[in-house]
């Protein structure tokens, strides 16, 4: 079952595309359109709904926050429709030429993510007729991820930096220390309104992001303390009474799991040695 919701906040048009597979949780993604700029392209699983919904917009440029399949799944199709430049960080441009493989669960939920060779690198700012968005690298969830910050309107488009104030699983490729540092970086900025790709929390975003920072810092500290005592990842997982979402872990071939969060801390601690 698929659904589409549209609403407006200030000059921003927000589009929520969601779906639910039998026996699974509801998943969704948000696209944002401001003054000719479209932020992200959504997953290929929702391609028909996305293209039908936004093809009437006057899109003059697109920015892709990072290479993950729920953000980059419709690059080629949108380029054909709008014939406009598509920007991303330099690292995202490189990754999209040969994207890393995705798990079975990612393919089932979000769809394929084919290579794309026509991204234009941007690492400073994106300008529209009326606004100027600063591009701020925020690695951790993805090495190439960036947020967009409009200081005059005090808007912050955080991609997947937030999602929720607690996290129950990580991708194998995610970094814990990097995420903590990235959240600290954006909390130093002067903003009022947060637009997350999965959970916008527009008017209470700062409190929510601060809560996530506290959660990640505590998780890191608890795991790091036991690691320094010589415990293995499995022993730490058991000692802290963590629970695994086995449906997620098994369907992803281990690419998504809570254990990956523990291993991410251990990797970060190992780099300090």
C-alpha atoms as a PDB file:
ATOM      1  CA  UNK A   1       0.000   0.000   0.000  1.00  0.00           C
ATOM      2  CA  UNK A   2       1.396   3.405  -1.048  1.00  0.00           C
ATOM      3  CA  UNK A   3       0.432   6.915  -0.010  1.00  0.00           C
ATOM      4  CA  UNK A   4       1.377  10.502  -0.855  1.00  0.00           C
ATOM      5  CA  UNK A   5       1.037  13.541   1.372  1.00  0.00           C
ATOM      6  CA  UNK A   6       1.793  17.148   0.445  1.00  0.00           C
ATOM      7  CA  UNK A   7       2.042  20.218   2.601  1.00  0.00           C
ATOM      8  CA  UNK A   8       3.764  23.577   2.662  1.00  0.00           C
ATOM      9  CA  UNK A   9       5.958  25.219   5.275  1.00  0.00           C
ATOM     10  CA  UNK A  10       6.882  28.810   4.493  1.00  0.00           C
ATOM     11  CA  UNK A  11       8.249  28.729   0.923  1.00  0.00           C
ATOM     12  CA  UNK A  12       9.019  25.006   1.107  1.00  0.00           C
ATOM     13  CA  UNK A  13       6.852  22.378  -0.556  1.00  0.00           C
ATOM     14  CA  UNK A  14       7.128  19.054   1.287  1.00  0.00           C
ATOM     15  CA  UNK A  15       6.238  15.721  -0.339  1.00  0.00           C
ATOM     16  CA  UNK A  16       5.988  12.546   1.723  1.00  0.00           C
ATOM     17  CA  UNK A  17       5.978   9.254  -0.174  1.00  0.00           C
ATOM     18  CA  UNK A  18       5.341   6.144   1.906  1.00  0.00           C
ATOM     19  CA  UNK A  19       4.479   2.487   1.521  1.00  0.00           C
ATOM     20  CA  UNK A  20       3.899  -0.625   3.576  1.00  0.00           C
ATOM     21  CA  UNK A  21       4.694  -4.181   2.561  1.00  0.00           C
ATOM     22  CA  UNK A  22       2.597  -7.018   4.044  1.00  0.00           C
ATOM     23  CA  UNK A  23       3.797  -7.836   7.546  1.00  0.00           C
ATOM     24  CA  UNK A  24       6.304  -4.978   7.551  1.00  0.00           C
ATOM     25  CA  UNK A  25       6.503  -1.524   9.081  1.00  0.00           C
ATOM     26  CA  UNK A  26       5.499   1.567   7.140  1.00  0.00           C
ATOM     27  CA  UNK A  27       8.421   3.287   5.438  1.00  0.00           C
ATOM     28  CA  UNK A  28       8.564   6.708   3.886  1.00  0.00           C
ATOM     29  CA  UNK A  29      10.792   9.422   2.497  1.00  0.00           C
ATOM     30  CA  UNK A  30      10.393  13.185   2.099  1.00  0.00           C
ATOM     31  CA  UNK A  31      11.428  15.326  -0.842  1.00  0.00           C
ATOM     32  CA  UNK A  32      11.689  19.105  -0.498  1.00  0.00           C
ATOM     33  CA  UNK A  33      11.158  21.722  -3.187  1.00  0.00           C
ATOM     34  CA  UNK A  34      12.166  25.358  -2.706  1.00  0.00           C
ATOM     35  CA  UNK A  35      12.484  28.106  -5.310  1.00  0.00           C
ATOM     36  CA  UNK A  36      13.334  25.745  -8.190  1.00  0.00           C
ATOM     37  CA  UNK A  37      15.556  23.462  -6.075  1.00  0.00           C
ATOM     38  CA  UNK A  38      14.608  19.821  -5.432  1.00  0.00           C
ATOM     39  CA  UNK A  39      16.396  18.093  -2.558  1.00  0.00           C
ATOM     40  CA  UNK A  40      16.929  14.363  -3.245  1.00  0.00           C
ATOM     41  CA  UNK A  41      15.172  12.084  -5.736  1.00  0.00           C
ATOM     42  CA  UNK A  42      13.630   9.331  -3.611  1.00  0.00           C
ATOM     43  CA  UNK A  43      13.777   5.534  -4.050  1.00  0.00           C
ATOM     44  CA  UNK A  44      13.100   3.689  -7.289  1.00  0.00           C
ATOM     45  CA  UNK A  45      10.371   1.632  -5.545  1.00  0.00           C
ATOM     46  CA  UNK A  46       8.254   4.791  -5.448  1.00  0.00           C
ATOM     47  CA  UNK A  47       9.327   6.053  -8.863  1.00  0.00           C
ATOM     48  CA  UNK A  48       5.896   6.162 -10.472  1.00  0.00           C
ATOM     49  CA  UNK A  49       4.375   8.106  -7.576  1.00  0.00           C
ATOM     50  CA  UNK A  50       7.326  10.503  -7.348  1.00  0.00           C
ATOM     51  CA  UNK A  51       7.459  11.283 -11.057  1.00  0.00           C
ATOM     52  CA  UNK A  52       3.721  11.808 -11.313  1.00  0.00           C
ATOM     53  CA  UNK A  53       3.703  14.089  -8.287  1.00  0.00           C
ATOM     54  CA  UNK A  54       6.614  16.389  -9.047  1.00  0.00           C
ATOM     55  CA  UNK A  55       6.686  16.512 -12.857  1.00  0.00           C
ATOM     56  CA  UNK A  56       4.611  19.704 -12.810  1.00  0.00           C
ATOM     57  CA  UNK A  57       7.142  21.550 -10.640  1.00  0.00           C
ATOM     58  CA  UNK A  58       9.557  24.058 -12.142  1.00  0.00           C
ATOM     59  CA  UNK A  59      12.672  22.172 -11.049  1.00  0.00           C
ATOM     60  CA  UNK A  60      15.805  24.007 -12.236  1.00  0.00           C
ATOM     61  CA  UNK A  61      18.378  22.191 -10.115  1.00  0.00           C
ATOM     62  CA  UNK A  62      18.578  19.118  -7.891  1.00  0.00           C
ATOM     63  CA  UNK A  63      20.819  18.391  -4.927  1.00  0.00           C
ATOM     64  CA  UNK A  64      21.459  14.818  -3.749  1.00  0.00           C
ATOM     65  CA  UNK A  65      22.387  14.646  -0.075  1.00  0.00           C
ATOM     66  CA  UNK A  66      24.132  11.246  -0.312  1.00  0.00           C
ATOM     67  CA  UNK A  67      24.366   8.066  -2.367  1.00  0.00           C
ATOM     68  CA  UNK A  68      21.941   5.823  -0.446  1.00  0.00           C
ATOM     69  CA  UNK A  69      19.239   4.257  -2.598  1.00  0.00           C
ATOM     70  CA  UNK A  70      16.304   6.014  -0.917  1.00  0.00           C
ATOM     71  CA  UNK A  71      17.831   9.359  -1.916  1.00  0.00           C
ATOM     72  CA  UNK A  72      19.355   8.641  -5.328  1.00  0.00           C
ATOM     73  CA  UNK A  73      17.001   6.087  -6.885  1.00  0.00           C
ATOM     74  CA  UNK A  74      15.502   8.357  -9.569  1.00  0.00           C
ATOM     75  CA  UNK A  75      18.426  10.439 -10.785  1.00  0.00           C
ATOM     76  CA  UNK A  76      18.278   9.411 -14.427  1.00  0.00           C
ATOM     77  CA  UNK A  77      14.505   9.748 -14.707  1.00  0.00           C
ATOM     78  CA  UNK A  78      14.400  13.215 -13.136  1.00  0.00           C
ATOM     79  CA  UNK A  79      17.270  14.424 -15.273  1.00  0.00           C
ATOM     80  CA  UNK A  80      15.344  13.350 -18.380  1.00  0.00           C
ATOM     81  CA  UNK A  81      12.207  15.174 -17.198  1.00  0.00           C
ATOM     82  CA  UNK A  82      13.733  18.440 -16.009  1.00  0.00           C
ATOM     83  CA  UNK A  83      16.967  18.572 -18.035  1.00  0.00           C
ATOM     84  CA  UNK A  84      18.628  20.430 -15.201  1.00  0.00           C
ATOM     85  CA  UNK A  85      21.960  20.097 -13.386  1.00  0.00           C
ATOM     86  CA  UNK A  86      22.094  17.635 -10.499  1.00  0.00           C
ATOM     87  CA  UNK A  87      24.579  18.492  -7.763  1.00  0.00           C
ATOM     88  CA  UNK A  88      26.165  16.499  -4.962  1.00  0.00           C
ATOM     89  CA  UNK A  89      29.291  16.555  -2.832  1.00  0.00           C
ATOM     90  CA  UNK A  90      32.471  15.545  -4.696  1.00  0.00           C
ATOM     91  CA  UNK A  91      32.602  12.279  -2.743  1.00  0.00           C
ATOM     92  CA  UNK A  92      28.987  11.467  -3.650  1.00  0.00           C
ATOM     93  CA  UNK A  93      29.735  12.147  -7.328  1.00  0.00           C
ATOM     94  CA  UNK A  94      32.548   9.609  -7.210  1.00  0.00           C
ATOM     95  CA  UNK A  95      30.529   7.006  -5.303  1.00  0.00           C
ATOM     96  CA  UNK A  96      27.572   7.194  -7.687  1.00  0.00           C
ATOM     97  CA  UNK A  97      29.791   6.221 -10.614  1.00  0.00           C
ATOM     98  CA  UNK A  98      30.224   2.831  -8.958  1.00  0.00           C
ATOM     99  CA  UNK A  99      27.850   2.601  -5.974  1.00  0.00           C
ATOM    100  CA  UNK A 100      28.526  -0.035  -3.324  1.00  0.00           C
ATOM    101  CA  UNK A 101      26.253  -3.092  -3.467  1.00  0.00           C
ATOM    102  CA  UNK A 102      23.058  -3.077  -1.425  1.00  0.00           C
ATOM    103  CA  UNK A 103      21.486  -5.889   0.571  1.00  0.00           C
ATOM    104  CA  UNK A 104      18.402  -7.906  -0.356  1.00  0.00           C
ATOM    105  CA  UNK A 105      16.284  -6.037   2.193  1.00  0.00           C
ATOM    106  CA  UNK A 106      17.358  -2.684   0.766  1.00  0.00           C
ATOM    107  CA  UNK A 107      16.388  -3.835  -2.714  1.00  0.00           C
ATOM    108  CA  UNK A 108      13.039  -5.103  -1.449  1.00  0.00           C
ATOM    109  CA  UNK A 109      12.208  -1.974   0.513  1.00  0.00           C
ATOM    110  CA  UNK A 110      13.759   0.828  -1.538  1.00  0.00           C
ATOM    111  CA  UNK A 111      14.630  -0.662  -4.922  1.00  0.00           C
ATOM    112  CA  UNK A 112      17.791  -0.676  -7.016  1.00  0.00           C
ATOM    113  CA  UNK A 113      20.374   2.096  -7.159  1.00  0.00           C
ATOM    114  CA  UNK A 114      22.031   2.130 -10.591  1.00  0.00           C
ATOM    115  CA  UNK A 115      25.255   4.046 -11.292  1.00  0.00           C
ATOM    116  CA  UNK A 116      24.912   7.649 -12.410  1.00  0.00           C
ATOM    117  CA  UNK A 117      27.666   9.566 -14.165  1.00  0.00           C
ATOM    118  CA  UNK A 118      26.228  13.052 -14.642  1.00  0.00           C
ATOM    119  CA  UNK A 119      26.397  14.510 -11.139  1.00  0.00           C
ATOM    120  CA  UNK A 120      28.089  17.901 -10.848  1.00  0.00           C
ATOM    121  CA  UNK A 121      30.287  18.340  -7.758  1.00  0.00           C
ATOM    122  CA  UNK A 122      29.413  21.151  -5.337  1.00  0.00           C
ATOM    123  CA  UNK A 123      31.135  21.629  -1.999  1.00  0.00           C
ATOM    124  CA  UNK A 124      30.341  25.210  -1.059  1.00  0.00           C
ATOM    125  CA  UNK A 125      26.826  26.496  -1.706  1.00  0.00           C
ATOM    126  CA  UNK A 126      23.695  26.110  -3.820  1.00  0.00           C
ATOM    127  CA  UNK A 127      22.032  29.333  -4.885  1.00  0.00           C
ATOM    128  CA  UNK A 128      18.463  29.865  -6.082  1.00  0.00           C
ATOM    129  CA  UNK A 129      16.782  33.113  -7.110  1.00  0.00           C
ATOM    130  CA  UNK A 130      15.925  33.987  -3.513  1.00  0.00           C
ATOM    131  CA  UNK A 131      18.017  31.782  -1.230  1.00  0.00           C
ATOM    132  CA  UNK A 132      21.571  30.606  -0.628  1.00  0.00           C
ATOM    133  CA  UNK A 133      22.083  27.152   0.886  1.00  0.00           C
ATOM    134  CA  UNK A 134      25.411  26.326   2.496  1.00  0.00           C
ATOM    135  CA  UNK A 135      26.598  22.766   1.825  1.00  0.00           C
ATOM    136  CA  UNK A 136      27.955  21.278   5.053  1.00  0.00           C
ATOM    137  CA  UNK A 137      29.581  17.812   5.018  1.00  0.00           C
ATOM    138  CA  UNK A 138      28.163  15.545   7.718  1.00  0.00           C
ATOM    139  CA  UNK A 139      29.784  12.106   7.351  1.00  0.00           C
ATOM    140  CA  UNK A 140      28.862   9.186   9.576  1.00  0.00           C
ATOM    141  CA  UNK A 141      25.609   7.739   8.323  1.00  0.00           C
ATOM    142  CA  UNK A 142      27.242   7.902   4.894  1.00  0.00           C
ATOM    143  CA  UNK A 143      30.758   9.108   4.130  1.00  0.00           C
ATOM    144  CA  UNK A 144      29.460  11.437   1.414  1.00  0.00           C
ATOM    145  CA  UNK A 145      26.456  12.923   3.224  1.00  0.00           C
ATOM    146  CA  UNK A 146      25.884  16.665   3.484  1.00  0.00           C
ATOM    147  CA  UNK A 147      23.199  18.921   4.938  1.00  0.00           C
ATOM    148  CA  UNK A 148      21.896  22.168   3.446  1.00  0.00           C
ATOM    149  CA  UNK A 149      21.718  25.250   5.647  1.00  0.00           C
ATOM    150  CA  UNK A 150      19.898  28.462   4.736  1.00  0.00           C
ATOM    151  CA  UNK A 151      20.993  30.992   7.394  1.00  0.00           C
ATOM    152  CA  UNK A 152      18.581  33.794   6.467  1.00  0.00           C
ATOM    153  CA  UNK A 153      15.488  31.593   6.872  1.00  0.00           C
ATOM    154  CA  UNK A 154      17.180  29.456   9.563  1.00  0.00           C
ATOM    155  CA  UNK A 155      16.331  26.245   7.701  1.00  0.00           C
ATOM    156  CA  UNK A 156      18.378  23.053   8.049  1.00  0.00           C
ATOM    157  CA  UNK A 157      17.845  20.132   5.677  1.00  0.00           C
ATOM    158  CA  UNK A 158      19.575  17.294   7.524  1.00  0.00           C
ATOM    159  CA  UNK A 159      19.125  14.315   5.157  1.00  0.00           C
ATOM    160  CA  UNK A 160      19.490  11.259   7.467  1.00  0.00           C
ATOM    161  CA  UNK A 161      21.435  12.925  10.254  1.00  0.00           C
ATOM    162  CA  UNK A 162      18.408  12.726  12.548  1.00  0.00           C
ATOM    163  CA  UNK A 163      15.737  10.111  11.543  1.00  0.00           C
ATOM    164  CA  UNK A 164      14.990   9.425  15.232  1.00  0.00           C
ATOM    165  CA  UNK A 165      16.375  10.353  18.648  1.00  0.00           C
ATOM    166  CA  UNK A 166      17.260   6.680  19.157  1.00  0.00           C
ATOM    167  CA  UNK A 167      18.707   4.263  16.616  1.00  0.00           C
ATOM    168  CA  UNK A 168      18.265   0.501  16.716  1.00  0.00           C
ATOM    169  CA  UNK A 169      20.582  -0.573  13.914  1.00  0.00           C
ATOM    170  CA  UNK A 170      23.451   0.616  11.727  1.00  0.00           C
ATOM    171  CA  UNK A 171      24.671  -0.168   8.264  1.00  0.00           C
ATOM    172  CA  UNK A 172      28.040  -1.917   8.250  1.00  0.00           C
ATOM    173  CA  UNK A 173      29.540   1.179   6.624  1.00  0.00           C
ATOM    174  CA  UNK A 174      28.333   3.686   9.233  1.00  0.00           C
ATOM    175  CA  UNK A 175      30.652   5.469  11.626  1.00  0.00           C
ATOM    176  CA  UNK A 176      29.646   6.281  15.200  1.00  0.00           C
ATOM    177  CA  UNK A 177      32.241   8.926  16.092  1.00  0.00           C
ATOM    178  CA  UNK A 178      31.688  10.686  12.774  1.00  0.00           C
ATOM    179  CA  UNK A 179      27.947  10.882  13.369  1.00  0.00           C
ATOM    180  CA  UNK A 180      28.488  12.350  16.815  1.00  0.00           C
ATOM    181  CA  UNK A 181      30.885  14.951  15.417  1.00  0.00           C
ATOM    182  CA  UNK A 182      28.519  15.809  12.561  1.00  0.00           C
ATOM    183  CA  UNK A 183      25.592  16.363  14.915  1.00  0.00           C
ATOM    184  CA  UNK A 184      27.746  18.589  17.127  1.00  0.00           C
ATOM    185  CA  UNK A 185      28.763  20.578  14.059  1.00  0.00           C
ATOM    186  CA  UNK A 186      25.201  21.351  12.941  1.00  0.00           C
ATOM    187  CA  UNK A 187      24.050  22.100  16.497  1.00  0.00           C
ATOM    188  CA  UNK A 188      26.568  24.946  16.507  1.00  0.00           C
ATOM    189  CA  UNK A 189      24.710  26.569  13.593  1.00  0.00           C
ATOM    190  CA  UNK A 190      21.960  29.135  14.101  1.00  0.00           C
ATOM    191  CA  UNK A 191      18.806  27.377  12.861  1.00  0.00           C
ATOM    192  CA  UNK A 192      15.202  26.960  13.949  1.00  0.00           C
ATOM    193  CA  UNK A 193      13.586  24.523  11.512  1.00  0.00           C
ATOM    194  CA  UNK A 194      14.798  20.986  10.783  1.00  0.00           C
ATOM    195  CA  UNK A 195      13.797  19.047   7.679  1.00  0.00           C
ATOM    196  CA  UNK A 196      14.780  15.378   7.965  1.00  0.00           C
ATOM    197  CA  UNK A 197      14.293  13.127   4.954  1.00  0.00           C
ATOM    198  CA  UNK A 198      12.381  10.570   7.018  1.00  0.00           C
ATOM    199  CA  UNK A 199      11.097  12.531  10.020  1.00  0.00           C
ATOM    200  CA  UNK A 200      11.086  16.319   9.503  1.00  0.00           C
ATOM    201  CA  UNK A 201      10.318  17.461  13.109  1.00  0.00           C
ATOM    202  CA  UNK A 202      10.226  20.955  11.675  1.00  0.00           C
ATOM    203  CA  UNK A 203       9.574  23.079  14.761  1.00  0.00           C
ATOM    204  CA  UNK A 204      11.161  20.992  17.529  1.00  0.00           C
ATOM    205  CA  UNK A 205      14.167  19.716  15.625  1.00  0.00           C
ATOM    206  CA  UNK A 206      16.905  21.162  17.798  1.00  0.00           C
ATOM    207  CA  UNK A 207      15.640  19.411  20.934  1.00  0.00           C
ATOM    208  CA  UNK A 208      15.241  16.162  19.005  1.00  0.00           C
ATOM    209  CA  UNK A 209      18.736  16.349  17.527  1.00  0.00           C
ATOM    210  CA  UNK A 210      20.206  17.143  20.949  1.00  0.00           C
ATOM    211  CA  UNK A 211      18.421  14.055  22.308  1.00  0.00           C
ATOM    212  CA  UNK A 212      19.937  11.929  19.562  1.00  0.00           C
ATOM    213  CA  UNK A 213      23.387  13.296  20.359  1.00  0.00           C
ATOM    214  CA  UNK A 214      22.966  12.311  24.016  1.00  0.00           C
ATOM    215  CA  UNK A 215      21.793   8.836  23.007  1.00  0.00           C
ATOM    216  CA  UNK A 216      24.778   8.252  20.695  1.00  0.00           C
ATOM    217  CA  UNK A 217      27.281   9.661  23.187  1.00  0.00           C
ATOM    218  CA  UNK A 218      25.991   7.373  25.935  1.00  0.00           C
ATOM    219  CA  UNK A 219      25.961   4.367  23.617  1.00  0.00           C
ATOM    220  CA  UNK A 220      29.534   5.145  22.583  1.00  0.00           C
ATOM    221  CA  UNK A 221      30.739   5.640  26.152  1.00  0.00           C
ATOM    222  CA  UNK A 222      29.111   2.412  27.423  1.00  0.00           C
ATOM    223  CA  UNK A 223      30.590   0.300  24.624  1.00  0.00           C
ATOM    224  CA  UNK A 224      34.013   1.975  24.723  1.00  0.00           C
ATOM    225  CA  UNK A 225      34.351   1.408  28.494  1.00  0.00           C
ATOM    226  CA  UNK A 226      33.785  -2.328  28.124  1.00  0.00           C
ATOM    227  CA  UNK A 227      36.010  -2.541  25.054  1.00  0.00           C
ATOM    228  CA  UNK A 228      38.845  -0.925  27.011  1.00  0.00           C
ATOM    229  CA  UNK A 229      38.349  -3.634  29.638  1.00  0.00           C
ATOM    230  CA  UNK A 230      39.089  -6.222  26.953  1.00  0.00           C
ATOM    231  CA  UNK A 231      35.574  -7.482  26.142  1.00  0.00           C
ATOM    232  CA  UNK A 232      34.731  -8.606  22.619  1.00  0.00           C
ATOM    233  CA  UNK A 233      31.842  -7.225  20.554  1.00  0.00           C
ATOM    234  CA  UNK A 234      29.651 -10.198  21.476  1.00  0.00           C
ATOM    235  CA  UNK A 235      30.501  -9.924  25.146  1.00  0.00           C
ATOM    236  CA  UNK A 236      29.728  -6.195  25.120  1.00  0.00           C
ATOM    237  CA  UNK A 237      26.407  -6.826  23.364  1.00  0.00           C
ATOM    238  CA  UNK A 238      25.432  -9.351  26.031  1.00  0.00           C
ATOM    239  CA  UNK A 239      26.745  -7.311  28.966  1.00  0.00           C
ATOM    240  CA  UNK A 240      24.693  -4.263  27.951  1.00  0.00           C
ATOM    241  CA  UNK A 241      21.563  -6.385  27.371  1.00  0.00           C
ATOM    242  CA  UNK A 242      21.168  -5.170  23.803  1.00  0.00           C
ATOM    243  CA  UNK A 243      18.435  -6.760  21.690  1.00  0.00           C
ATOM    244  CA  UNK A 244      18.782  -7.519  17.998  1.00  0.00           C
ATOM    245  CA  UNK A 245      16.012  -7.045  15.439  1.00  0.00           C
ATOM    246  CA  UNK A 246      16.540 -10.402  13.786  1.00  0.00           C
ATOM    247  CA  UNK A 247      14.077  -9.800  10.987  1.00  0.00           C
ATOM    248  CA  UNK A 248      16.072  -6.756   9.909  1.00  0.00           C
ATOM    249  CA  UNK A 249      19.449  -8.420  10.416  1.00  0.00           C
ATOM    250  CA  UNK A 250      18.633 -11.642   8.578  1.00  0.00           C
ATOM    251  CA  UNK A 251      16.850 -10.004   5.654  1.00  0.00           C
ATOM    252  CA  UNK A 252      19.806  -7.657   5.187  1.00  0.00           C
ATOM    253  CA  UNK A 253      22.407 -10.403   5.393  1.00  0.00           C
ATOM    254  CA  UNK A 254      23.832  -8.688   8.471  1.00  0.00           C
ATOM    255  CA  UNK A 255      24.253  -5.342   6.712  1.00  0.00           C
ATOM    256  CA  UNK A 256      21.732  -3.759   9.091  1.00  0.00           C
ATOM    257  CA  UNK A 257      22.003  -4.650  12.760  1.00  0.00           C
ATOM    258  CA  UNK A 258      22.489  -3.365  16.295  1.00  0.00           C
ATOM    259  CA  UNK A 259      25.730  -5.319  16.454  1.00  0.00           C
ATOM    260  CA  UNK A 260      27.038  -3.007  13.743  1.00  0.00           C
ATOM    261  CA  UNK A 261      26.614  -0.132  16.190  1.00  0.00           C
ATOM    262  CA  UNK A 262      28.837  -1.908  18.700  1.00  0.00           C
ATOM    263  CA  UNK A 263      31.409  -2.711  16.027  1.00  0.00           C
ATOM    264  CA  UNK A 264      31.394   0.908  14.852  1.00  0.00           C
ATOM    265  CA  UNK A 265      32.432   2.074  18.335  1.00  0.00           C
ATOM    266  CA  UNK A 266      35.142  -0.592  18.493  1.00  0.00           C
ATOM    267  CA  UNK A 267      36.497   0.538  15.106  1.00  0.00           C
ATOM    268  CA  UNK A 268      36.600   4.140  16.292  1.00  0.00           C
ATOM    269  CA  UNK A 269      38.346   3.165  19.518  1.00  0.00           C
ATOM    270  CA  UNK A 270      40.828   1.060  17.550  1.00  0.00           C
ATOM    271  CA  UNK A 271      41.800   4.092  15.475  1.00  0.00           C
ATOM    272  CA  UNK A 272      42.790   5.922  18.647  1.00  0.00           C
ATOM    273  CA  UNK A 273      45.341   3.254  19.560  1.00  0.00           C
END
